[in-house]
């Protein structure tokens, strides 16, 4: 990823939207993500140029923690 780390699909990692990526200043920071009342932590390891401001791209394992990948897109909240 853009932060220089290698990760697997089951790691709880995210790519942060370009609006907030800020040249990598948030690399390896832990965030808390909440979807439908369920929360977990993940690490920022990449940039997501295609994500809207405030958006995240979740690893497969992290996405599947919340819902099957067939759902396609999740709505929730996150914080540093």
PDB file of N, CA and C in Angstrom:
ATOM      1  N   UNK A   1       0.811  -1.197   0.000  1.00  0.00           N
ATOM      2  CA  UNK A   1       0.000   0.000   0.000  1.00  0.00           C
ATOM      3  C   UNK A   1       0.852   1.258   0.000  1.00  0.00           C
ATOM      4  N   UNK A   2       0.183   2.380  -0.056  1.00  0.00           N
ATOM      5  CA  UNK A   2       0.847   3.679  -0.113  1.00  0.00           C
ATOM      6  C   UNK A   2       1.663   3.991   1.137  1.00  0.00           C
ATOM      7  N   UNK A   3       1.409   3.268   2.212  1.00  0.00           N
ATOM      8  CA  UNK A   3       2.182   3.477   3.440  1.00  0.00           C
ATOM      9  C   UNK A   3       3.444   2.618   3.467  1.00  0.00           C
ATOM     10  N   UNK A   4       3.615   1.739   2.479  1.00  0.00           N
ATOM     11  CA  UNK A   4       4.827   0.939   2.382  1.00  0.00           C
ATOM     12  C   UNK A   4       4.763  -0.412   3.072  1.00  0.00           C
ATOM     13  N   UNK A   5       3.577  -0.853   3.449  1.00  0.00           N
ATOM     14  CA  UNK A   5       3.429  -2.136   4.136  1.00  0.00           C
ATOM     15  C   UNK A   5       2.796  -3.167   3.204  1.00  0.00           C
ATOM     16  N   UNK A   6       3.053  -4.417   3.494  1.00  0.00           N
ATOM     17  CA  UNK A   6       2.409  -5.523   2.790  1.00  0.00           C
ATOM     18  C   UNK A   6       1.449  -6.183   3.760  1.00  0.00           C
ATOM     19  N   UNK A   7       0.243  -6.448   3.298  1.00  0.00           N
ATOM     20  CA  UNK A   7      -0.781  -7.049   4.139  1.00  0.00           C
ATOM     21  C   UNK A   7      -1.526  -8.109   3.365  1.00  0.00           C
ATOM     22  N   UNK A   8      -2.184  -8.995   4.105  1.00  0.00           N
ATOM     23  CA  UNK A   8      -2.991 -10.036   3.507  1.00  0.00           C
ATOM     24  C   UNK A   8      -4.462  -9.670   3.537  1.00  0.00           C
ATOM     25  N   UNK A   9      -5.280 -10.390   2.779  1.00  0.00           N
ATOM     26  CA  UNK A   9      -6.706 -10.070   2.688  1.00  0.00           C
ATOM     27  C   UNK A   9      -7.461 -10.231   4.003  1.00  0.00           C
ATOM     28  N   UNK A  10      -6.912 -10.989   4.946  1.00  0.00           N
ATOM     29  CA  UNK A  10      -7.610 -11.186   6.220  1.00  0.00           C
ATOM     30  C   UNK A  10      -7.190 -10.187   7.293  1.00  0.00           C
ATOM     31  N   UNK A  11      -6.199  -9.340   6.992  1.00  0.00           N
ATOM     32  CA  UNK A  11      -5.787  -8.310   7.941  1.00  0.00           C
ATOM     33  C   UNK A  11      -6.858  -7.230   8.030  1.00  0.00           C
ATOM     34  N   UNK A  12      -7.052  -6.691   9.214  1.00  0.00           N
ATOM     35  CA  UNK A  12      -8.029  -5.617   9.407  1.00  0.00           C
ATOM     36  C   UNK A  12      -7.349  -4.288   9.090  1.00  0.00           C
ATOM     37  N   UNK A  13      -7.345  -3.956   7.784  1.00  0.00           N
ATOM     38  CA  UNK A  13      -6.700  -2.741   7.301  1.00  0.00           C
ATOM     39  C   UNK A  13      -7.651  -1.972   6.398  1.00  0.00           C
ATOM     40  N   UNK A  14      -7.344  -0.690   6.227  1.00  0.00           N
ATOM     41  CA  UNK A  14      -8.143   0.154   5.339  1.00  0.00           C
ATOM     42  C   UNK A  14      -7.241   1.033   4.495  1.00  0.00           C
ATOM     43  N   UNK A  15      -7.801   1.477   3.370  1.00  0.00           N
ATOM     44  CA  UNK A  15      -7.213   2.534   2.564  1.00  0.00           C
ATOM     45  C   UNK A  15      -8.045   3.779   2.855  1.00  0.00           C
ATOM     46  N   UNK A  16      -7.356   4.854   3.207  1.00  0.00           N
ATOM     47  CA  UNK A  16      -8.003   6.105   3.575  1.00  0.00           C
ATOM     48  C   UNK A  16      -8.211   6.977   2.345  1.00  0.00           C
ATOM     49  N   UNK A  17      -9.340   7.638   2.268  1.00  0.00           N
ATOM     50  CA  UNK A  17      -9.646   8.530   1.147  1.00  0.00           C
ATOM     51  C   UNK A  17      -8.547   9.579   0.968  1.00  0.00           C
ATOM     52  N   UNK A  18      -8.362  10.032  -0.269  1.00  0.00           N
ATOM     53  CA  UNK A  18      -7.301  10.992  -0.583  1.00  0.00           C
ATOM     54  C   UNK A  18      -7.486  12.339   0.105  1.00  0.00           C
ATOM     55  N   UNK A  19      -8.735  12.742   0.376  1.00  0.00           N
ATOM     56  CA  UNK A  19      -8.996  14.019   1.059  1.00  0.00           C
ATOM     57  C   UNK A  19      -8.303  14.077   2.416  1.00  0.00           C
ATOM     58  N   UNK A  20      -8.243  12.946   3.101  1.00  0.00           N
ATOM     59  CA  UNK A  20      -7.694  12.896   4.453  1.00  0.00           C
ATOM     60  C   UNK A  20      -6.328  12.211   4.532  1.00  0.00           C
ATOM     61  N   UNK A  21      -5.896  11.588   3.445  1.00  0.00           N
ATOM     62  CA  UNK A  21      -4.625  10.839   3.474  1.00  0.00           C
ATOM     63  C   UNK A  21      -3.450  11.752   3.824  1.00  0.00           C
ATOM     64  N   UNK A  22      -3.471  12.976   3.324  1.00  0.00           N
ATOM     65  CA  UNK A  22      -2.499  14.005   3.716  1.00  0.00           C
ATOM     66  C   UNK A  22      -1.050  13.549   3.593  1.00  0.00           C
ATOM     67  N   UNK A  23      -0.715  13.003   2.433  1.00  0.00           N
ATOM     68  CA  UNK A  23       0.668  12.604   2.190  1.00  0.00           C
ATOM     69  C   UNK A  23       1.154  11.457   3.054  1.00  0.00           C
ATOM     70  N   UNK A  24       0.243  10.747   3.661  1.00  0.00           N
ATOM     71  CA  UNK A  24       0.619   9.600   4.485  1.00  0.00           C
ATOM     72  C   UNK A  24       0.731   9.911   5.965  1.00  0.00           C
ATOM     73  N   UNK A  25       0.276  11.088   6.381  1.00  0.00           N
ATOM     74  CA  UNK A  25       0.413  11.467   7.795  1.00  0.00           C
ATOM     75  C   UNK A  25      -0.385  10.566   8.739  1.00  0.00           C
ATOM     76  N   UNK A  26      -1.352   9.822   8.209  1.00  0.00           N
ATOM     77  CA  UNK A  26      -2.147   8.916   9.043  1.00  0.00           C
ATOM     78  C   UNK A  26      -1.736   7.449   8.891  1.00  0.00           C
ATOM     79  N   UNK A  27      -0.651   7.199   8.155  1.00  0.00           N
ATOM     80  CA  UNK A  27      -0.189   5.820   7.966  1.00  0.00           C
ATOM     81  C   UNK A  27       0.019   5.113   9.304  1.00  0.00           C
ATOM     82  N   UNK A  28      -0.499   3.919   9.367  1.00  0.00           N
ATOM     83  CA  UNK A  28      -0.382   3.006  10.502  1.00  0.00           C
ATOM     84  C   UNK A  28      -1.164   3.460  11.735  1.00  0.00           C
ATOM     85  N   UNK A  29      -1.974   4.489  11.589  1.00  0.00           N
ATOM     86  CA  UNK A  29      -2.837   4.912  12.677  1.00  0.00           C
ATOM     87  C   UNK A  29      -3.997   3.926  12.794  1.00  0.00           C
ATOM     88  N   UNK A  30      -4.419   3.671  14.012  1.00  0.00           N
ATOM     89  CA  UNK A  30      -5.546   2.783  14.264  1.00  0.00           C
ATOM     90  C   UNK A  30      -6.829   3.600  14.318  1.00  0.00           C
ATOM     91  N   UNK A  31      -7.857   3.108  13.648  1.00  0.00           N
ATOM     92  CA  UNK A  31      -9.161   3.756  13.679  1.00  0.00           C
ATOM     93  C   UNK A  31     -10.193   2.762  14.202  1.00  0.00           C
ATOM     94  N   UNK A  32     -11.318   3.287  14.660  1.00  0.00           N
ATOM     95  CA  UNK A  32     -12.448   2.467  15.085  1.00  0.00           C
ATOM     96  C   UNK A  32     -13.560   2.651  14.069  1.00  0.00           C
ATOM     97  N   UNK A  33     -14.065   1.535  13.568  1.00  0.00           N
ATOM     98  CA  UNK A  33     -15.130   1.537  12.568  1.00  0.00           C
ATOM     99  C   UNK A  33     -16.378   0.909  13.190  1.00  0.00           C
ATOM    100  N   UNK A  34     -17.535   1.547  12.968  1.00  0.00           N
ATOM    101  CA  UNK A  34     -18.807   1.030  13.477  1.00  0.00           C
ATOM    102  C   UNK A  34     -19.797   0.921  12.326  1.00  0.00           C
ATOM    103  N   UNK A  35     -20.353  -0.270  12.162  1.00  0.00           N
ATOM    104  CA  UNK A  35     -21.372  -0.539  11.145  1.00  0.00           C
ATOM    105  C   UNK A  35     -22.505  -1.304  11.822  1.00  0.00           C
ATOM    106  N   UNK A  36     -23.716  -0.772  11.739  1.00  0.00           N
ATOM    107  CA  UNK A  36     -24.907  -1.419  12.326  1.00  0.00           C
ATOM    108  C   UNK A  36     -24.695  -1.801  13.791  1.00  0.00           C
ATOM    109  N   UNK A  37     -24.060  -0.912  14.563  1.00  0.00           N
ATOM    110  CA  UNK A  37     -23.868  -1.126  15.990  1.00  0.00           C
ATOM    111  C   UNK A  37     -22.720  -2.042  16.359  1.00  0.00           C
ATOM    112  N   UNK A  38     -22.012  -2.568  15.381  1.00  0.00           N
ATOM    113  CA  UNK A  38     -20.867  -3.448  15.620  1.00  0.00           C
ATOM    114  C   UNK A  38     -19.589  -2.658  15.326  1.00  0.00           C
ATOM    115  N   UNK A  39     -18.627  -2.703  16.256  1.00  0.00           N
ATOM    116  CA  UNK A  39     -17.392  -1.936  16.099  1.00  0.00           C
ATOM    117  C   UNK A  39     -16.166  -2.826  16.144  1.00  0.00           C
ATOM    118  N   UNK A  40     -15.126  -2.376  15.467  1.00  0.00           N
ATOM    119  CA  UNK A  40     -13.816  -3.024  15.542  1.00  0.00           C
ATOM    120  C   UNK A  40     -12.766  -1.994  15.164  1.00  0.00           C
ATOM    121  N   UNK A  41     -11.519  -2.366  15.352  1.00  0.00           N
ATOM    122  CA  UNK A  41     -10.414  -1.477  15.004  1.00  0.00           C
ATOM    123  C   UNK A  41      -9.699  -1.985  13.767  1.00  0.00           C
ATOM    124  N   UNK A  42      -9.122  -1.049  13.028  1.00  0.00           N
ATOM    125  CA  UNK A  42      -8.360  -1.373  11.828  1.00  0.00           C
ATOM    126  C   UNK A  42      -7.214  -0.375  11.705  1.00  0.00           C
ATOM    127  N   UNK A  43      -6.255  -0.719  10.870  1.00  0.00           N
ATOM    128  CA  UNK A  43      -5.091   0.137  10.674  1.00  0.00           C
ATOM    129  C   UNK A  43      -5.090   0.715   9.267  1.00  0.00           C
ATOM    130  N   UNK A  44      -4.736   1.988   9.160  1.00  0.00           N
ATOM    131  CA  UNK A  44      -4.619   2.651   7.859  1.00  0.00           C
ATOM    132  C   UNK A  44      -3.279   2.250   7.241  1.00  0.00           C
ATOM    133  N   UNK A  45      -3.326   1.613   6.066  1.00  0.00           N
ATOM    134  CA  UNK A  45      -2.087   1.177   5.416  1.00  0.00           C
ATOM    135  C   UNK A  45      -1.998   1.588   3.947  1.00  0.00           C
ATOM    136  N   UNK A  46      -3.024   2.302   3.446  1.00  0.00           N
ATOM    137  CA  UNK A  46      -3.032   2.630   2.029  1.00  0.00           C
ATOM    138  C   UNK A  46      -3.900   3.861   1.794  1.00  0.00           C
ATOM    139  N   UNK A  47      -3.813   4.394   0.572  1.00  0.00           N
ATOM    140  CA  UNK A  47      -4.643   5.506   0.144  1.00  0.00           C
ATOM    141  C   UNK A  47      -5.677   4.994  -0.863  1.00  0.00           C
ATOM    142  N   UNK A  48      -6.871   5.564  -0.812  1.00  0.00           N
ATOM    143  CA  UNK A  48      -7.942   5.197  -1.742  1.00  0.00           C
ATOM    144  C   UNK A  48      -8.330   6.411  -2.567  1.00  0.00           C
ATOM    145  N   UNK A  49      -7.679   6.609  -3.733  1.00  0.00           N
ATOM    146  CA  UNK A  49      -7.998   7.764  -4.574  1.00  0.00           C
ATOM    147  C   UNK A  49      -9.439   7.770  -5.082  1.00  0.00           C
ATOM    148  N   UNK A  50     -10.070   6.617  -5.199  1.00  0.00           N
ATOM    149  CA  UNK A  50     -11.434   6.541  -5.708  1.00  0.00           C
ATOM    150  C   UNK A  50     -12.508   6.671  -4.639  1.00  0.00           C
ATOM    151  N   UNK A  51     -12.108   6.748  -3.377  1.00  0.00           N
ATOM    152  CA  UNK A  51     -13.084   6.863  -2.288  1.00  0.00           C
ATOM    153  C   UNK A  51     -13.524   8.309  -2.122  1.00  0.00           C
ATOM    154  N   UNK A  52     -14.788   8.528  -1.761  1.00  0.00           N
ATOM    155  CA  UNK A  52     -15.239   9.897  -1.490  1.00  0.00           C
ATOM    156  C   UNK A  52     -14.594  10.413  -0.200  1.00  0.00           C
ATOM    157  N   UNK A  53     -14.580  11.720  -0.029  1.00  0.00           N
ATOM    158  CA  UNK A  53     -14.062  12.290   1.214  1.00  0.00           C
ATOM    159  C   UNK A  53     -14.815  11.661   2.392  1.00  0.00           C
ATOM    160  N   UNK A  54     -14.061  11.205   3.378  1.00  0.00           N
ATOM    161  CA  UNK A  54     -14.654  10.530   4.533  1.00  0.00           C
ATOM    162  C   UNK A  54     -14.780   9.026   4.350  1.00  0.00           C
ATOM    163  N   UNK A  55     -14.557   8.527   3.120  1.00  0.00           N
ATOM    164  CA  UNK A  55     -14.725   7.108   2.830  1.00  0.00           C
ATOM    165  C   UNK A  55     -13.480   6.280   3.085  1.00  0.00           C
ATOM    166  N   UNK A  56     -13.691   4.997   3.192  1.00  0.00           N
ATOM    167  CA  UNK A  56     -12.627   4.018   3.400  1.00  0.00           C
ATOM    168  C   UNK A  56     -12.811   2.856   2.435  1.00  0.00           C
ATOM    169  N   UNK A  57     -11.715   2.207   2.092  1.00  0.00           N
ATOM    170  CA  UNK A  57     -11.760   0.943   1.358  1.00  0.00           C
ATOM    171  C   UNK A  57     -11.279  -0.122   2.325  1.00  0.00           C
ATOM    172  N   UNK A  58     -12.136  -1.064   2.656  1.00  0.00           N
ATOM    173  CA  UNK A  58     -11.831  -2.085   3.652  1.00  0.00           C
ATOM    174  C   UNK A  58     -11.223  -3.326   3.007  1.00  0.00           C
ATOM    175  N   UNK A  59     -10.306  -3.963   3.718  1.00  0.00           N
ATOM    176  CA  UNK A  59      -9.788  -5.257   3.268  1.00  0.00           C
ATOM    177  C   UNK A  59     -10.929  -6.262   3.275  1.00  0.00           C
ATOM    178  N   UNK A  60     -10.751  -7.349   2.551  1.00  0.00           N
ATOM    179  CA  UNK A  60     -11.805  -8.360   2.465  1.00  0.00           C
ATOM    180  C   UNK A  60     -12.170  -8.906   3.845  1.00  0.00           C
ATOM    181  N   UNK A  61     -11.179  -9.237   4.642  1.00  0.00           N
ATOM    182  CA  UNK A  61     -11.447  -9.787   5.972  1.00  0.00           C
ATOM    183  C   UNK A  61     -12.196  -8.813   6.863  1.00  0.00           C
ATOM    184  N   UNK A  62     -11.823  -7.551   6.785  1.00  0.00           N
ATOM    185  CA  UNK A  62     -12.496  -6.526   7.583  1.00  0.00           C
ATOM    186  C   UNK A  62     -13.931  -6.342   7.113  1.00  0.00           C
ATOM    187  N   UNK A  63     -14.134  -6.273   5.806  1.00  0.00           N
ATOM    188  CA  UNK A  63     -15.493  -6.142   5.263  1.00  0.00           C
ATOM    189  C   UNK A  63     -16.349  -7.314   5.734  1.00  0.00           C
ATOM    190  N   UNK A  64     -15.807  -8.529   5.631  1.00  0.00           N
ATOM    191  CA  UNK A  64     -16.564  -9.729   6.004  1.00  0.00           C
ATOM    192  C   UNK A  64     -16.825  -9.812   7.508  1.00  0.00           C
ATOM    193  N   UNK A  65     -16.089  -9.061   8.316  1.00  0.00           N
ATOM    194  CA  UNK A  65     -16.384  -8.962   9.747  1.00  0.00           C
ATOM    195  C   UNK A  65     -17.769  -8.342   9.942  1.00  0.00           C
ATOM    196  N   UNK A  66     -18.107  -7.394   9.055  1.00  0.00           N
ATOM    197  CA  UNK A  66     -19.381  -6.683   9.152  1.00  0.00           C
ATOM    198  C   UNK A  66     -20.500  -7.309   8.328  1.00  0.00           C
ATOM    199  N   UNK A  67     -20.182  -7.833   7.142  1.00  0.00           N
ATOM    200  CA  UNK A  67     -21.221  -8.338   6.238  1.00  0.00           C
ATOM    201  C   UNK A  67     -20.576  -9.151   5.122  1.00  0.00           C
ATOM    202  N   UNK A  68     -21.351  -9.991   4.434  1.00  0.00           N
ATOM    203  CA  UNK A  68     -20.814 -10.707   3.274  1.00  0.00           C
ATOM    204  C   UNK A  68     -20.414  -9.713   2.180  1.00  0.00           C
ATOM    205  N   UNK A  69     -19.400 -10.043   1.429  1.00  0.00           N
ATOM    206  CA  UNK A  69     -18.946  -9.137   0.368  1.00  0.00           C
ATOM    207  C   UNK A  69     -20.020  -8.908  -0.693  1.00  0.00           C
ATOM    208  N   UNK A  70     -20.992  -9.795  -0.781  1.00  0.00           N
ATOM    209  CA  UNK A  70     -22.074  -9.623  -1.752  1.00  0.00           C
ATOM    210  C   UNK A  70     -22.901  -8.370  -1.464  1.00  0.00           C
ATOM    211  N   UNK A  71     -22.810  -7.833  -0.253  1.00  0.00           N
ATOM    212  CA  UNK A  71     -23.511  -6.593   0.103  1.00  0.00           C
ATOM    213  C   UNK A  71     -22.976  -5.446  -0.761  1.00  0.00           C
ATOM    214  N   UNK A  72     -21.692  -5.471  -1.055  1.00  0.00           N
ATOM    215  CA  UNK A  72     -21.087  -4.497  -1.958  1.00  0.00           C
ATOM    216  C   UNK A  72     -20.579  -3.230  -1.318  1.00  0.00           C
ATOM    217  N   UNK A  73     -21.381  -2.576  -0.514  1.00  0.00           N
ATOM    218  CA  UNK A  73     -20.987  -1.310   0.104  1.00  0.00           C
ATOM    219  C   UNK A  73     -21.633  -1.223   1.486  1.00  0.00           C
ATOM    220  N   UNK A  74     -20.860  -0.703   2.431  1.00  0.00           N
ATOM    221  CA  UNK A  74     -21.351  -0.550   3.802  1.00  0.00           C
ATOM    222  C   UNK A  74     -21.482   0.914   4.145  1.00  0.00           C
ATOM    223  N   UNK A  75     -22.418   1.216   5.040  1.00  0.00           N
ATOM    224  CA  UNK A  75     -22.547   2.562   5.597  1.00  0.00           C
ATOM    225  C   UNK A  75     -22.313   2.450   7.091  1.00  0.00           C
ATOM    226  N   UNK A  76     -21.551   3.369   7.624  1.00  0.00           N
ATOM    227  CA  UNK A  76     -21.255   3.364   9.041  1.00  0.00           C
ATOM    228  C   UNK A  76     -20.495   4.616   9.398  1.00  0.00           C
ATOM    229  N   UNK A  77     -19.745   4.536  10.482  1.00  0.00           N
ATOM    230  CA  UNK A  77     -18.943   5.675  10.917  1.00  0.00           C
ATOM    231  C   UNK A  77     -17.567   5.174  11.328  1.00  0.00           C
ATOM    232  N   UNK A  78     -16.630   6.103  11.388  1.00  0.00           N
ATOM    233  CA  UNK A  78     -15.302   5.756  11.846  1.00  0.00           C
ATOM    234  C   UNK A  78     -14.663   6.980  12.489  1.00  0.00           C
ATOM    235  N   UNK A  79     -13.671   6.724  13.344  1.00  0.00           N
ATOM    236  CA  UNK A  79     -12.958   7.816  14.005  1.00  0.00           C
ATOM    237  C   UNK A  79     -11.537   7.375  14.301  1.00  0.00           C
ATOM    238  N   UNK A  80     -10.656   8.381  14.412  1.00  0.00           N
ATOM    239  CA  UNK A  80      -9.256   8.116  14.753  1.00  0.00           C
ATOM    240  C   UNK A  80      -9.156   7.744  16.218  1.00  0.00           C
TER     241      UNK A  80
END
